[in-house]
C-alpha cells in the first residue's frame, strides 16, 4: 500500500478539472424500487441487473458533469457541420460490403433451393393423388363389370362414363389440331399441288365467259394489225423453184 501511494504521488499532476474531466459517483438508487442500493443489492450473476447498474451510474455521472461544463463555458453539443473521419479505412469497408453481399447471395440461393424443394414435393403430391384417383376409378369400374357379369347389377352406367370421357378426350385433341393448323409439309404440298377438287375441264367456257366479248379484238383476230400483210403474209414458206435454187447453191 505504501508503494502504491508513493507511485501515485510521483505521476500525479495537479491539473484543473477541465483538463481531467473525471467524475466519481457511487452506486445509484434504482428509480423503480426507490430503495438505496448497496453492494449486495445487485446480483453480479444477473446480467440485466449488472448492466442496468452500470447504465444508471454512467447517467448520474453525465448529469453531474454537464452543469460544471456549462459553468466553464465548454460546448457539450456537436455542431451541425461537424465532420469526423471513420475509424475504418475504405478497403476495410469494401471487404465488409463484399462479405455482406456474399452472405445475402448465399441466403437467396438457400431460399431458392428451399422453394424448389417445396415445389417438387407439391408436384409429387399432385402426381400421387392423380395416380390414386385413376386406380380408384379403375377399381370401381372392374367391380361394376364383375357385378354385371354375375348378374348382381343390370346397370351399364360405367360404360356411359367411359364413353363420355373418351369423347371428351377426342374433342380436346380435335380442338388442339384445329388450333395448331397444318404443319409445314402439308402447307408446302398445298402450295405446290393445290387443295384438291376438280381440275379437269377447268379451262372450259361457261355461259358467262361465252357471252363476254369485251376482250375481243377484230384486227388481231383477222390478221389486220399494223405490220401485217394480209393472207399473203401468213404464207412465209418459199416456193418450189426458190427451194430448188437454195438446194443447188448448197451443193
C-alpha atoms as a PDB file:
ATOM      1  CA  UNK A   1       0.000   0.000   0.000  1.00  0.00           C
ATOM      2  CA  UNK A   2       2.841   2.399   0.805  1.00  0.00           C
ATOM      3  CA  UNK A   3       4.464   1.642  -2.537  1.00  0.00           C
ATOM      4  CA  UNK A   4       1.247   2.337  -4.405  1.00  0.00           C
ATOM      5  CA  UNK A   5       0.829   5.666  -2.647  1.00  0.00           C
ATOM      6  CA  UNK A   6       4.398   6.596  -3.492  1.00  0.00           C
ATOM      7  CA  UNK A   7       3.890   5.780  -7.191  1.00  0.00           C
ATOM      8  CA  UNK A   8       0.674   7.782  -7.165  1.00  0.00           C
ATOM      9  CA  UNK A   9       2.395  10.809  -5.735  1.00  0.00           C
ATOM     10  CA  UNK A  10       5.109  10.557  -8.410  1.00  0.00           C
ATOM     11  CA  UNK A  11       2.884  10.649 -11.502  1.00  0.00           C
ATOM     12  CA  UNK A  12       0.054  12.661 -10.001  1.00  0.00           C
ATOM     13  CA  UNK A  13      -0.323  16.083 -11.586  1.00  0.00           C
ATOM     14  CA  UNK A  14      -2.161  18.984 -10.058  1.00  0.00           C
ATOM     15  CA  UNK A  15      -4.346  19.950 -13.067  1.00  0.00           C
ATOM     16  CA  UNK A  16      -7.679  21.689 -13.294  1.00  0.00           C
ATOM     17  CA  UNK A  17     -10.842  19.599 -13.571  1.00  0.00           C
ATOM     18  CA  UNK A  18     -11.475  20.782 -17.126  1.00  0.00           C
ATOM     19  CA  UNK A  19      -8.183  19.115 -18.112  1.00  0.00           C
ATOM     20  CA  UNK A  20      -9.025  15.879 -16.297  1.00  0.00           C
ATOM     21  CA  UNK A  21     -12.836  15.582 -16.755  1.00  0.00           C
ATOM     22  CA  UNK A  22     -13.062  12.834 -14.135  1.00  0.00           C
ATOM     23  CA  UNK A  23     -16.302  12.185 -12.290  1.00  0.00           C
ATOM     24  CA  UNK A  24     -16.646   9.776  -9.400  1.00  0.00           C
ATOM     25  CA  UNK A  25     -20.063   8.517  -8.398  1.00  0.00           C
ATOM     26  CA  UNK A  26     -21.225   5.724  -6.208  1.00  0.00           C
ATOM     27  CA  UNK A  27     -23.973   3.214  -6.749  1.00  0.00           C
ATOM     28  CA  UNK A  28     -27.191   4.908  -7.854  1.00  0.00           C
ATOM     29  CA  UNK A  29     -30.644   4.347  -6.338  1.00  0.00           C
ATOM     30  CA  UNK A  30     -32.994   2.302  -8.513  1.00  0.00           C
ATOM     31  CA  UNK A  31     -35.789   4.715  -9.551  1.00  0.00           C
ATOM     32  CA  UNK A  32     -38.323   1.891  -9.794  1.00  0.00           C
ATOM     33  CA  UNK A  33     -37.888   0.418  -6.354  1.00  0.00           C
ATOM     34  CA  UNK A  34     -36.856   3.753  -4.728  1.00  0.00           C
ATOM     35  CA  UNK A  35     -34.562   1.888  -2.328  1.00  0.00           C
ATOM     36  CA  UNK A  36     -30.942   2.678  -1.545  1.00  0.00           C
ATOM     37  CA  UNK A  37     -28.848   0.114  -3.365  1.00  0.00           C
ATOM     38  CA  UNK A  38     -25.867  -1.471  -1.669  1.00  0.00           C
ATOM     39  CA  UNK A  39     -23.232  -3.914  -2.824  1.00  0.00           C
ATOM     40  CA  UNK A  40     -25.496  -6.846  -2.047  1.00  0.00           C
ATOM     41  CA  UNK A  41     -28.496  -5.345  -3.880  1.00  0.00           C
ATOM     42  CA  UNK A  42     -27.118  -6.096  -7.385  1.00  0.00           C
ATOM     43  CA  UNK A  43     -26.604  -9.744  -8.222  1.00  0.00           C
ATOM     44  CA  UNK A  44     -23.353  -9.958 -10.245  1.00  0.00           C
ATOM     45  CA  UNK A  45     -24.578 -13.181 -11.887  1.00  0.00           C
ATOM     46  CA  UNK A  46     -27.668 -11.419 -13.229  1.00  0.00           C
ATOM     47  CA  UNK A  47     -26.596  -9.767 -16.492  1.00  0.00           C
ATOM     48  CA  UNK A  48     -29.604  -7.484 -16.707  1.00  0.00           C
ATOM     49  CA  UNK A  49     -29.191  -6.072 -13.180  1.00  0.00           C
ATOM     50  CA  UNK A  50     -25.442  -5.607 -13.630  1.00  0.00           C
ATOM     51  CA  UNK A  51     -25.778  -3.738 -16.947  1.00  0.00           C
ATOM     52  CA  UNK A  52     -28.591  -1.556 -15.611  1.00  0.00           C
ATOM     53  CA  UNK A  53     -26.437  -0.637 -12.618  1.00  0.00           C
ATOM     54  CA  UNK A  54     -23.620   0.456 -14.950  1.00  0.00           C
ATOM     55  CA  UNK A  55     -26.092   2.424 -17.083  1.00  0.00           C
ATOM     56  CA  UNK A  56     -27.570   4.309 -14.085  1.00  0.00           C
ATOM     57  CA  UNK A  57     -24.094   5.080 -12.731  1.00  0.00           C
ATOM     58  CA  UNK A  58     -22.936   6.492 -16.109  1.00  0.00           C
ATOM     59  CA  UNK A  59     -26.130   8.520 -16.427  1.00  0.00           C
ATOM     60  CA  UNK A  60     -25.615  10.021 -12.960  1.00  0.00           C
ATOM     61  CA  UNK A  61     -22.002  10.949 -13.858  1.00  0.00           C
ATOM     62  CA  UNK A  62     -23.217  12.727 -17.016  1.00  0.00           C
ATOM     63  CA  UNK A  63     -25.861  14.653 -15.081  1.00  0.00           C
ATOM     64  CA  UNK A  64     -23.178  15.769 -12.627  1.00  0.00           C
ATOM     65  CA  UNK A  65     -20.603  16.760 -15.276  1.00  0.00           C
ATOM     66  CA  UNK A  66     -22.865  18.720 -17.668  1.00  0.00           C
ATOM     67  CA  UNK A  67     -23.643  21.656 -15.287  1.00  0.00           C
ATOM     68  CA  UNK A  68     -19.968  22.022 -14.419  1.00  0.00           C
ATOM     69  CA  UNK A  69     -19.022  22.162 -18.133  1.00  0.00           C
ATOM     70  CA  UNK A  70     -21.705  24.802 -18.775  1.00  0.00           C
ATOM     71  CA  UNK A  71     -20.300  26.947 -15.952  1.00  0.00           C
ATOM     72  CA  UNK A  72     -16.884  26.735 -17.578  1.00  0.00           C
ATOM     73  CA  UNK A  73     -18.489  27.613 -20.947  1.00  0.00           C
ATOM     74  CA  UNK A  74     -17.302  24.384 -22.554  1.00  0.00           C
ATOM     75  CA  UNK A  75     -19.530  23.318 -25.500  1.00  0.00           C
ATOM     76  CA  UNK A  76     -21.128  19.949 -24.965  1.00  0.00           C
ATOM     77  CA  UNK A  77     -23.071  19.541 -28.226  1.00  0.00           C
ATOM     78  CA  UNK A  78     -21.535  18.677 -31.570  1.00  0.00           C
ATOM     79  CA  UNK A  79     -22.024  21.359 -34.274  1.00  0.00           C
ATOM     80  CA  UNK A  80     -24.162  20.577 -37.311  1.00  0.00           C
ATOM     81  CA  UNK A  81     -21.265  20.899 -39.779  1.00  0.00           C
ATOM     82  CA  UNK A  82     -19.004  18.605 -37.767  1.00  0.00           C
ATOM     83  CA  UNK A  83     -17.179  16.038 -39.908  1.00  0.00           C
ATOM     84  CA  UNK A  84     -15.466  13.053 -38.357  1.00  0.00           C
ATOM     85  CA  UNK A  85     -13.461  10.523 -40.304  1.00  0.00           C
ATOM     86  CA  UNK A  86     -14.319   6.868 -39.980  1.00  0.00           C
ATOM     87  CA  UNK A  87     -12.083   4.727 -37.865  1.00  0.00           C
ATOM     88  CA  UNK A  88     -12.074   2.052 -40.574  1.00  0.00           C
ATOM     89  CA  UNK A  89     -10.469   2.558 -43.970  1.00  0.00           C
ATOM     90  CA  UNK A  90     -12.226   2.301 -47.324  1.00  0.00           C
ATOM     91  CA  UNK A  91     -10.565  -1.043 -48.026  1.00  0.00           C
ATOM     92  CA  UNK A  92     -11.904  -2.470 -44.794  1.00  0.00           C
ATOM     93  CA  UNK A  93     -15.400  -1.172 -45.576  1.00  0.00           C
ATOM     94  CA  UNK A  94     -15.167  -2.677 -49.077  1.00  0.00           C
ATOM     95  CA  UNK A  95     -14.316  -6.045 -47.560  1.00  0.00           C
ATOM     96  CA  UNK A  96     -17.286  -5.716 -45.212  1.00  0.00           C
ATOM     97  CA  UNK A  97     -19.592  -4.886 -48.151  1.00  0.00           C
ATOM     98  CA  UNK A  98     -18.354  -7.912 -50.105  1.00  0.00           C
ATOM     99  CA  UNK A  99     -18.855 -10.116 -47.062  1.00  0.00           C
ATOM    100  CA  UNK A 100     -22.414  -8.863 -46.580  1.00  0.00           C
ATOM    101  CA  UNK A 101     -23.122  -9.285 -50.298  1.00  0.00           C
ATOM    102  CA  UNK A 102     -21.840 -12.871 -50.284  1.00  0.00           C
ATOM    103  CA  UNK A 103     -23.982 -13.650 -47.229  1.00  0.00           C
ATOM    104  CA  UNK A 104     -27.051 -12.170 -48.918  1.00  0.00           C
ATOM    105  CA  UNK A 105     -26.423 -14.171 -52.103  1.00  0.00           C
ATOM    106  CA  UNK A 106     -25.989 -17.359 -50.063  1.00  0.00           C
ATOM    107  CA  UNK A 107     -29.286 -16.672 -48.284  1.00  0.00           C
ATOM    108  CA  UNK A 108     -31.032 -16.069 -51.629  1.00  0.00           C
ATOM    109  CA  UNK A 109     -29.630 -19.323 -53.040  1.00  0.00           C
ATOM    110  CA  UNK A 110     -30.743 -21.282 -49.997  1.00  0.00           C
ATOM    111  CA  UNK A 111     -34.198 -19.691 -50.189  1.00  0.00           C
ATOM    112  CA  UNK A 112     -34.471 -20.555 -53.888  1.00  0.00           C
ATOM    113  CA  UNK A 113     -33.394 -24.137 -53.230  1.00  0.00           C
ATOM    114  CA  UNK A 114     -35.972 -24.361 -50.453  1.00  0.00           C
ATOM    115  CA  UNK A 115     -38.704 -23.147 -52.815  1.00  0.00           C
ATOM    116  CA  UNK A 116     -37.649 -25.669 -55.472  1.00  0.00           C
ATOM    117  CA  UNK A 117     -37.792 -28.480 -52.931  1.00  0.00           C
ATOM    118  CA  UNK A 118     -41.252 -27.365 -51.858  1.00  0.00           C
ATOM    119  CA  UNK A 119     -42.418 -27.236 -55.497  1.00  0.00           C
ATOM    120  CA  UNK A 120     -41.048 -30.733 -56.146  1.00  0.00           C
ATOM    121  CA  UNK A 121     -42.823 -32.059 -53.074  1.00  0.00           C
ATOM    122  CA  UNK A 122     -46.056 -30.420 -54.234  1.00  0.00           C
ATOM    123  CA  UNK A 123     -45.639 -31.871 -57.752  1.00  0.00           C
ATOM    124  CA  UNK A 124     -45.057 -35.349 -56.364  1.00  0.00           C
ATOM    125  CA  UNK A 125     -48.086 -34.973 -54.127  1.00  0.00           C
ATOM    126  CA  UNK A 126     -50.305 -33.969 -57.070  1.00  0.00           C
ATOM    127  CA  UNK A 127     -48.946 -36.841 -59.173  1.00  0.00           C
ATOM    128  CA  UNK A 128     -49.620 -39.396 -56.449  1.00  0.00           C
ATOM    129  CA  UNK A 129     -53.137 -38.020 -55.998  1.00  0.00           C
ATOM    130  CA  UNK A 130     -53.821 -38.370 -59.739  1.00  0.00           C
ATOM    131  CA  UNK A 131     -52.488 -41.946 -59.784  1.00  0.00           C
ATOM    132  CA  UNK A 132     -54.556 -42.853 -56.739  1.00  0.00           C
ATOM    133  CA  UNK A 133     -57.684 -41.387 -58.345  1.00  0.00           C
ATOM    134  CA  UNK A 134     -57.087 -43.332 -61.562  1.00  0.00           C
ATOM    135  CA  UNK A 135     -56.515 -46.548 -59.635  1.00  0.00           C
ATOM    136  CA  UNK A 136     -59.708 -45.936 -57.694  1.00  0.00           C
ATOM    137  CA  UNK A 137     -61.706 -45.314 -60.888  1.00  0.00           C
ATOM    138  CA  UNK A 138     -60.267 -48.454 -62.478  1.00  0.00           C
ATOM    139  CA  UNK A 139     -61.070 -50.499 -59.389  1.00  0.00           C
ATOM    140  CA  UNK A 140     -64.649 -49.199 -59.293  1.00  0.00           C
ATOM    141  CA  UNK A 141     -65.116 -49.990 -62.995  1.00  0.00           C
ATOM    142  CA  UNK A 142     -63.772 -53.549 -62.578  1.00  0.00           C
ATOM    143  CA  UNK A 143     -66.084 -54.111 -59.612  1.00  0.00           C
ATOM    144  CA  UNK A 144     -69.039 -52.845 -61.667  1.00  0.00           C
ATOM    145  CA  UNK A 145     -68.106 -55.174 -64.549  1.00  0.00           C
ATOM    146  CA  UNK A 146     -67.851 -58.156 -62.184  1.00  0.00           C
ATOM    147  CA  UNK A 147     -71.234 -57.347 -60.661  1.00  0.00           C
ATOM    148  CA  UNK A 148     -72.793 -57.108 -64.125  1.00  0.00           C
ATOM    149  CA  UNK A 149     -71.245 -60.423 -65.199  1.00  0.00           C
ATOM    150  CA  UNK A 150     -72.522 -62.173 -62.093  1.00  0.00           C
ATOM    151  CA  UNK A 151     -75.984 -60.705 -62.550  1.00  0.00           C
ATOM    152  CA  UNK A 152     -75.903 -58.701 -59.373  1.00  0.00           C
ATOM    153  CA  UNK A 153     -76.455 -55.468 -61.284  1.00  0.00           C
ATOM    154  CA  UNK A 154     -78.151 -54.590 -64.575  1.00  0.00           C
ATOM    155  CA  UNK A 155     -76.823 -51.043 -64.877  1.00  0.00           C
ATOM    156  CA  UNK A 156     -74.295 -50.051 -67.521  1.00  0.00           C
ATOM    157  CA  UNK A 157     -73.562 -46.563 -66.246  1.00  0.00           C
ATOM    158  CA  UNK A 158     -69.828 -47.226 -66.134  1.00  0.00           C
ATOM    159  CA  UNK A 159     -69.788 -47.697 -69.930  1.00  0.00           C
ATOM    160  CA  UNK A 160     -71.503 -44.338 -70.429  1.00  0.00           C
ATOM    161  CA  UNK A 161     -68.932 -42.682 -68.204  1.00  0.00           C
ATOM    162  CA  UNK A 162     -66.124 -44.329 -70.148  1.00  0.00           C
ATOM    163  CA  UNK A 163     -67.590 -43.201 -73.483  1.00  0.00           C
ATOM    164  CA  UNK A 164     -68.096 -39.634 -72.310  1.00  0.00           C
ATOM    165  CA  UNK A 165     -64.532 -39.463 -71.016  1.00  0.00           C
ATOM    166  CA  UNK A 166     -63.154 -40.854 -74.307  1.00  0.00           C
ATOM    167  CA  UNK A 167     -65.322 -38.447 -76.335  1.00  0.00           C
ATOM    168  CA  UNK A 168     -64.109 -35.577 -74.223  1.00  0.00           C
ATOM    169  CA  UNK A 169     -60.511 -36.611 -74.882  1.00  0.00           C
ATOM    170  CA  UNK A 170     -61.193 -36.850 -78.635  1.00  0.00           C
ATOM    171  CA  UNK A 171     -62.829 -33.437 -78.685  1.00  0.00           C
ATOM    172  CA  UNK A 172     -59.933 -31.986 -76.811  1.00  0.00           C
ATOM    173  CA  UNK A 173     -57.435 -33.485 -79.276  1.00  0.00           C
ATOM    174  CA  UNK A 174     -59.528 -32.245 -82.243  1.00  0.00           C
ATOM    175  CA  UNK A 175     -59.618 -28.751 -80.810  1.00  0.00           C
ATOM    176  CA  UNK A 176     -55.872 -28.906 -80.373  1.00  0.00           C
ATOM    177  CA  UNK A 177     -55.447 -29.958 -84.010  1.00  0.00           C
ATOM    178  CA  UNK A 178     -57.723 -27.154 -85.203  1.00  0.00           C
ATOM    179  CA  UNK A 179     -55.852 -24.612 -83.169  1.00  0.00           C
ATOM    180  CA  UNK A 180     -52.493 -25.968 -84.259  1.00  0.00           C
ATOM    181  CA  UNK A 181     -53.260 -25.980 -88.028  1.00  0.00           C
ATOM    182  CA  UNK A 182     -51.393 -27.866 -90.793  1.00  0.00           C
ATOM    183  CA  UNK A 183     -47.703 -28.469 -90.494  1.00  0.00           C
ATOM    184  CA  UNK A 184     -45.015 -27.142 -92.841  1.00  0.00           C
ATOM    185  CA  UNK A 185     -45.038 -30.242 -95.090  1.00  0.00           C
ATOM    186  CA  UNK A 186     -48.788 -30.047 -95.609  1.00  0.00           C
ATOM    187  CA  UNK A 187     -48.598 -26.311 -96.378  1.00  0.00           C
ATOM    188  CA  UNK A 188     -45.854 -26.901 -98.987  1.00  0.00           C
ATOM    189  CA  UNK A 189     -47.893 -29.607-100.721  1.00  0.00           C
ATOM    190  CA  UNK A 190     -50.986 -27.423-100.740  1.00  0.00           C
ATOM    191  CA  UNK A 191     -48.984 -24.644-102.335  1.00  0.00           C
ATOM    192  CA  UNK A 192     -47.479 -26.964-104.960  1.00  0.00           C
ATOM    193  CA  UNK A 193     -50.411 -29.224-105.893  1.00  0.00           C
ATOM    194  CA  UNK A 194     -53.394 -27.151-104.829  1.00  0.00           C
ATOM    195  CA  UNK A 195     -56.135 -28.019-102.377  1.00  0.00           C
ATOM    196  CA  UNK A 196     -57.819 -30.861-104.291  1.00  0.00           C
ATOM    197  CA  UNK A 197     -61.106 -30.661-106.076  1.00  0.00           C
ATOM    198  CA  UNK A 198     -61.939 -30.702-109.785  1.00  0.00           C
ATOM    199  CA  UNK A 199     -59.010 -29.972-112.107  1.00  0.00           C
ATOM    200  CA  UNK A 200     -60.089 -31.461-115.486  1.00  0.00           C
ATOM    201  CA  UNK A 201     -62.075 -29.060-117.612  1.00  0.00           C
ATOM    202  CA  UNK A 202     -61.098 -26.049-115.522  1.00  0.00           C
ATOM    203  CA  UNK A 203     -60.486 -24.032-118.751  1.00  0.00           C
ATOM    204  CA  UNK A 204     -63.828 -24.821-120.372  1.00  0.00           C
ATOM    205  CA  UNK A 205     -66.080 -21.959-121.355  1.00  0.00           C
ATOM    206  CA  UNK A 206     -69.127 -21.158-119.336  1.00  0.00           C
ATOM    207  CA  UNK A 207     -72.224 -19.237-120.282  1.00  0.00           C
ATOM    208  CA  UNK A 208     -70.827 -16.069-118.741  1.00  0.00           C
ATOM    209  CA  UNK A 209     -67.402 -16.394-120.418  1.00  0.00           C
ATOM    210  CA  UNK A 210     -69.064 -17.199-123.794  1.00  0.00           C
ATOM    211  CA  UNK A 211     -71.215 -14.053-123.674  1.00  0.00           C
ATOM    212  CA  UNK A 212     -68.301 -11.879-122.534  1.00  0.00           C
ATOM    213  CA  UNK A 213     -66.778 -10.299-125.703  1.00  0.00           C
ATOM    214  CA  UNK A 214     -65.087  -7.343-124.032  1.00  0.00           C
ATOM    215  CA  UNK A 215     -61.581  -8.688-124.759  1.00  0.00           C
ATOM    216  CA  UNK A 216     -62.279  -9.448-128.452  1.00  0.00           C
ATOM    217  CA  UNK A 217     -60.059  -7.557-130.934  1.00  0.00           C
ATOM    218  CA  UNK A 218     -61.077  -7.814-134.627  1.00  0.00           C
ATOM    219  CA  UNK A 219     -57.754  -6.635-136.067  1.00  0.00           C
ATOM    220  CA  UNK A 220     -55.824  -9.258-134.195  1.00  0.00           C
ATOM    221  CA  UNK A 221     -58.396 -11.957-134.969  1.00  0.00           C
ATOM    222  CA  UNK A 222     -58.457 -11.247-138.776  1.00  0.00           C
ATOM    223  CA  UNK A 223     -54.691 -10.547-139.035  1.00  0.00           C
ATOM    224  CA  UNK A 224     -55.153  -6.908-139.988  1.00  0.00           C
ATOM    225  CA  UNK A 225     -52.969  -5.308-137.407  1.00  0.00           C
ATOM    226  CA  UNK A 226     -50.034  -2.957-138.094  1.00  0.00           C
ATOM    227  CA  UNK A 227     -47.123  -4.573-139.929  1.00  0.00           C
ATOM    228  CA  UNK A 228     -49.250  -7.410-141.263  1.00  0.00           C
ATOM    229  CA  UNK A 229     -49.604  -8.259-144.983  1.00  0.00           C
ATOM    230  CA  UNK A 230     -52.934  -9.969-145.001  1.00  0.00           C
ATOM    231  CA  UNK A 231     -53.236 -13.572-146.138  1.00  0.00           C
ATOM    232  CA  UNK A 232     -50.026 -13.416-148.179  1.00  0.00           C
ATOM    233  CA  UNK A 233     -48.010 -12.587-145.119  1.00  0.00           C
ATOM    234  CA  UNK A 234     -49.215 -15.753-143.432  1.00  0.00           C
ATOM    235  CA  UNK A 235     -47.522 -17.984-146.115  1.00  0.00           C
ATOM    236  CA  UNK A 236     -43.903 -17.452-145.217  1.00  0.00           C
ATOM    237  CA  UNK A 237     -42.655 -20.656-146.903  1.00  0.00           C
ATOM    238  CA  UNK A 238     -40.737 -20.006-150.187  1.00  0.00           C
ATOM    239  CA  UNK A 239     -41.896 -21.529-153.454  1.00  0.00           C
ATOM    240  CA  UNK A 240     -40.713 -24.717-155.155  1.00  0.00           C
ATOM    241  CA  UNK A 241     -38.243 -23.064-157.532  1.00  0.00           C
ATOM    242  CA  UNK A 242     -36.825 -20.959-154.764  1.00  0.00           C
ATOM    243  CA  UNK A 243     -36.308 -24.067-152.686  1.00  0.00           C
ATOM    244  CA  UNK A 244     -34.545 -25.836-155.606  1.00  0.00           C
ATOM    245  CA  UNK A 245     -32.247 -22.847-156.131  1.00  0.00           C
ATOM    246  CA  UNK A 246     -31.389 -22.926-152.464  1.00  0.00           C
ATOM    247  CA  UNK A 247     -30.544 -26.629-152.674  1.00  0.00           C
ATOM    248  CA  UNK A 248     -28.344 -26.135-155.735  1.00  0.00           C
ATOM    249  CA  UNK A 249     -26.462 -23.353-154.040  1.00  0.00           C
ATOM    250  CA  UNK A 250     -25.888 -25.543-151.034  1.00  0.00           C
ATOM    251  CA  UNK A 251     -24.321 -28.221-153.277  1.00  0.00           C
END
